[in-house]
Every structure is written in structure tokens, then in C-alpha cells.
N, C-alpha and C. Protein backbone atom coordinates (compact mmCIF):
# COMPACT_ATOMS: atom_id res chain seq x y z
N UNK A 1 -19.23 43.59 6.86
CA UNK A 1 -19.20 42.21 6.26
C UNK A 1 -18.27 42.01 5.15
N UNK A 2 -18.14 43.26 4.65
CA UNK A 2 -17.20 42.81 3.09
C UNK A 2 -15.79 42.69 3.97
N UNK A 3 -15.14 43.31 4.83
CA UNK A 3 -13.91 42.74 5.66
C UNK A 3 -14.10 41.59 6.26
N UNK A 4 -14.89 40.93 6.60
CA UNK A 4 -14.81 39.44 6.97
C UNK A 4 -15.11 38.41 5.94
N UNK A 5 -15.62 38.72 4.81
CA UNK A 5 -15.46 37.91 3.48
C UNK A 5 -14.26 37.98 3.00
N UNK A 6 -13.77 38.93 2.60
CA UNK A 6 -12.08 39.53 2.62
C UNK A 6 -11.13 38.09 3.55
N UNK A 7 -11.25 38.43 4.66
CA UNK A 7 -10.52 37.60 5.59
C UNK A 7 -11.19 36.05 5.56
N UNK A 8 -11.88 35.60 5.55
CA UNK A 8 -12.35 34.18 4.94
C UNK A 8 -11.88 33.84 3.48
N UNK A 9 -11.92 34.67 2.64
CA UNK A 9 -10.93 34.36 1.21
C UNK A 9 -9.90 34.28 1.18
N UNK A 10 -8.97 35.10 2.20
CA UNK A 10 -7.66 34.89 2.46
C UNK A 10 -7.37 33.71 3.25
N UNK A 11 -8.30 33.53 4.15
CA UNK A 11 -8.15 32.08 5.04
C UNK A 11 -7.92 30.77 4.29
N UNK A 12 -8.75 31.00 3.13
CA UNK A 12 -9.20 29.74 2.31
C UNK A 12 -7.95 29.46 1.46
N UNK A 13 -7.09 31.07 0.77
CA UNK A 13 -6.17 31.05 -0.07
C UNK A 13 -5.00 30.36 0.56
N UNK A 14 -4.76 30.82 2.19
CA UNK A 14 -3.62 30.19 2.61
C UNK A 14 -3.77 28.74 2.92
N UNK A 15 -4.95 28.09 3.06
CA UNK A 15 -4.82 27.08 3.66
C UNK A 15 -4.97 26.04 2.16
N UNK A 16 -5.87 26.47 0.92
CA UNK A 16 -5.08 25.87 -0.34
C UNK A 16 -3.72 26.28 -0.52
N UNK A 17 -2.81 26.75 -0.39
CA UNK A 17 -1.28 26.79 -0.50
C UNK A 17 -0.83 26.06 0.25
N UNK A 18 -1.19 26.03 1.76
CA UNK A 18 -0.66 24.88 2.71
C UNK A 18 -1.03 23.57 1.98
N UNK A 19 -2.12 23.55 1.90
CA UNK A 19 -2.40 21.78 1.52
C UNK A 19 -1.51 21.67 0.23
N UNK A 20 -1.67 22.37 -0.68
CA UNK A 20 -0.59 22.50 -2.05
C UNK A 20 0.61 21.94 -1.54
N UNK A 21 1.55 22.70 -1.06
CA UNK A 21 2.73 22.43 -0.65
C UNK A 21 2.74 21.12 0.46
N UNK A 22 1.72 20.92 1.26
CA UNK A 22 1.55 19.45 1.69
C UNK A 22 2.09 18.26 0.68
N UNK A 23 0.91 18.54 -0.05
CA UNK A 23 1.00 17.49 -1.02
C UNK A 23 2.24 17.20 -2.00
N UNK A 24 3.02 18.46 -2.27
CA UNK A 24 3.87 18.60 -2.84
C UNK A 24 5.22 17.92 -2.11
N UNK A 25 5.26 18.01 -0.87
CA UNK A 25 6.40 17.50 0.12
C UNK A 25 6.45 16.05 0.23
N UNK A 26 4.80 15.85 0.11
CA UNK A 26 4.53 14.41 0.35
C UNK A 26 5.05 13.49 -0.94
N UNK A 27 4.56 14.40 -1.79
CA UNK A 27 5.27 13.49 -3.41
C UNK A 27 6.91 13.35 -3.62
N UNK A 28 7.19 14.43 -2.96
CA UNK A 28 9.11 14.37 -2.94
C UNK A 28 9.26 13.53 -2.14
N UNK A 29 8.68 13.58 -1.03
CA UNK A 29 9.19 12.35 -0.02
C UNK A 29 9.13 10.75 -0.79
N UNK A 30 8.04 10.52 -0.91
CA UNK A 30 7.76 9.30 -1.98
C UNK A 30 8.99 9.23 -3.13
N UNK A 31 9.40 10.38 -3.74
CA UNK A 31 10.18 10.20 -4.95
C UNK A 31 11.45 9.57 -4.11
N UNK A 32 11.89 10.33 -3.20
CA UNK A 32 13.18 10.04 -2.52
C UNK A 32 12.97 8.70 -1.71
N UNK A 33 12.17 8.13 -1.39
CA UNK A 33 12.00 6.93 -0.61
C UNK A 33 12.24 5.64 -1.85
N UNK A 34 11.57 6.29 -2.91
CA UNK A 34 11.73 4.86 -3.91
C UNK A 34 13.40 5.01 -4.62
N UNK A 35 13.86 6.27 -4.59
CA UNK A 35 15.53 6.37 -5.39
C UNK A 35 15.97 5.74 -3.93
N UNK A 36 15.99 5.54 -2.68
CA UNK A 36 16.80 4.96 -2.02
C UNK A 36 16.64 3.37 -1.97
N UNK A 37 15.59 3.23 -2.10
CA UNK A 37 14.85 1.38 -2.30
C UNK A 37 15.83 1.09 -3.55
N UNK A 38 15.78 1.80 -4.46
CA UNK A 38 16.50 1.53 -6.32
C UNK A 38 17.92 1.53 -5.54
N UNK A 39 18.36 2.45 -5.13
CA UNK A 39 20.19 2.36 -4.74
C UNK A 39 20.10 1.35 -3.84
N UNK A 40 19.54 1.23 -2.68
CA UNK A 40 19.79 -0.22 -2.07
C UNK A 40 20.10 -1.77 -2.95
N UNK A 41 18.51 -1.31 -3.39
CA UNK A 41 18.87 -2.76 -4.50
C UNK A 41 20.07 -2.88 -4.89
N UNK A 42 20.51 -1.55 -5.42
CA UNK A 42 21.58 -2.15 -6.85
C UNK A 42 22.66 -1.82 -5.85
N UNK A 43 23.02 -1.77 -4.64
CA UNK A 43 23.88 -2.19 -4.12
C UNK A 43 23.91 -3.41 -3.51
N UNK A 44 23.03 -4.15 -3.44
CA UNK A 44 23.17 -5.77 -2.98
C UNK A 44 23.09 -6.50 -3.94
N UNK A 45 22.88 -5.75 -5.27
CA UNK A 45 23.11 -6.73 -6.24
C UNK A 45 24.89 -6.87 -6.69
N UNK A 46 24.86 -5.58 -6.26
CA UNK A 46 26.66 -5.18 -6.85
C UNK A 46 27.50 -6.05 -5.62
N UNK A 47 26.76 -5.98 -4.63
CA UNK A 47 27.85 -6.87 -3.64
C UNK A 47 27.80 -8.32 -3.81
N UNK A 48 26.08 -8.54 -4.22
CA UNK A 48 26.34 -10.41 -4.61
C UNK A 48 27.70 -10.64 -5.65
N UNK A 49 27.45 -9.72 -6.96
CA UNK A 49 28.15 -10.02 -7.70
C UNK A 49 29.72 -9.91 -7.36
N UNK A 50 30.15 -9.28 -6.58
CA UNK A 50 31.73 -9.09 -6.08
C UNK A 50 31.64 -9.97 -5.24
N UNK A 51 30.87 -10.51 -4.28
CA UNK A 51 31.13 -12.02 -3.67
C UNK A 51 31.43 -13.11 -4.16
N UNK A 52 31.03 -12.87 -5.43
CA UNK A 52 30.92 -13.97 -6.23
C UNK A 52 32.14 -14.14 -7.05
N UNK A 53 32.61 -12.97 -7.33
CA UNK A 53 34.09 -12.82 -8.01
C UNK A 53 35.31 -13.17 -7.31
N UNK A 54 34.91 -12.48 -5.97
CA UNK A 54 35.64 -13.02 -4.76
C UNK A 54 35.85 -14.39 -4.79
N UNK A 55 34.89 -15.27 -4.97
CA UNK A 55 34.75 -16.53 -4.87
C UNK A 55 35.56 -16.72 -5.51
N UNK A 56 35.35 -16.50 -6.77
CA UNK A 56 36.26 -17.34 -7.77
C UNK A 56 37.64 -17.37 -7.97
N UNK A 57 37.91 -15.75 -7.47
CA UNK A 57 39.39 -15.49 -7.27
C UNK A 57 40.32 -16.39 -6.72
N UNK A 58 39.42 -16.96 -5.69
CA UNK A 58 39.99 -17.66 -4.53
C UNK A 58 39.86 -18.93 -4.92
N UNK A 59 38.96 -19.33 -5.60
CA UNK A 59 38.96 -21.05 -6.15
C UNK A 59 39.94 -21.25 -7.08
N UNK A 60 40.44 -20.02 -7.91
CA UNK A 60 41.48 -20.21 -8.65
C UNK A 60 43.02 -20.16 -7.83
N UNK A 61 42.85 -19.37 -7.11
CA UNK A 61 44.49 -18.96 -6.28
C UNK A 61 44.50 -20.64 -5.52
N UNK A 62 43.16 -21.03 -4.92
CA UNK A 62 43.47 -22.52 -4.49
C UNK A 62 43.89 -23.69 -5.36
N UNK A 63 43.27 -23.74 -6.66
CA UNK A 63 43.69 -24.62 -7.60
C UNK A 63 44.84 -24.47 -7.92
N UNK A 64 45.67 -23.18 -8.35
CA UNK A 64 46.67 -22.76 -8.41
C UNK A 64 47.99 -23.17 -7.54
N UNK A 65 47.66 -23.20 -6.22
CA UNK A 65 48.31 -23.82 -5.42
C UNK A 65 48.32 -25.00 -5.20
N UNK A 66 47.43 -25.65 -5.50
CA UNK A 66 47.61 -27.03 -5.68
C UNK A 66 48.32 -27.99 -6.65
N UNK A 67 48.54 -27.22 -7.50
CA UNK A 67 49.28 -27.54 -8.62
C UNK A 67 50.82 -27.25 -8.79
């Protein structure tokens, strides 16, 4: 009876560790997904600025070529 009780407690401890580990892994996954979204947003913003600057440079060259 005592051995069965000890085995049950060990099983509960293992399950608790697994549950905690899964929760930690999920939390880390969410953090990484948020970081990816943030970096993708920053990249899109930088690409937009770069495109606008390139258009400005092109316009400057065109206006110089016309004069």
C-alpha cells in the first residue's frame, strides 16, 4: 500500500513537472512569435522609408536631367 502511494506521488510529481515545462515552452513560443511580428513590422516600415527615399532620389535625378 505504501509503495502504491509513493508511486502515485511520483507520477503526480512527474506530471506536474511536465505541465510546468509545457507551460514554459508555450510562453517562450508566444514570446518568439511576438518578436517575429515586431521584427517583420520594423522591416516593412524600413522598406517603406527606403522606397520613398529612392523615389525622392529618382525625382532629383530626373529634375536635374531636365535642366
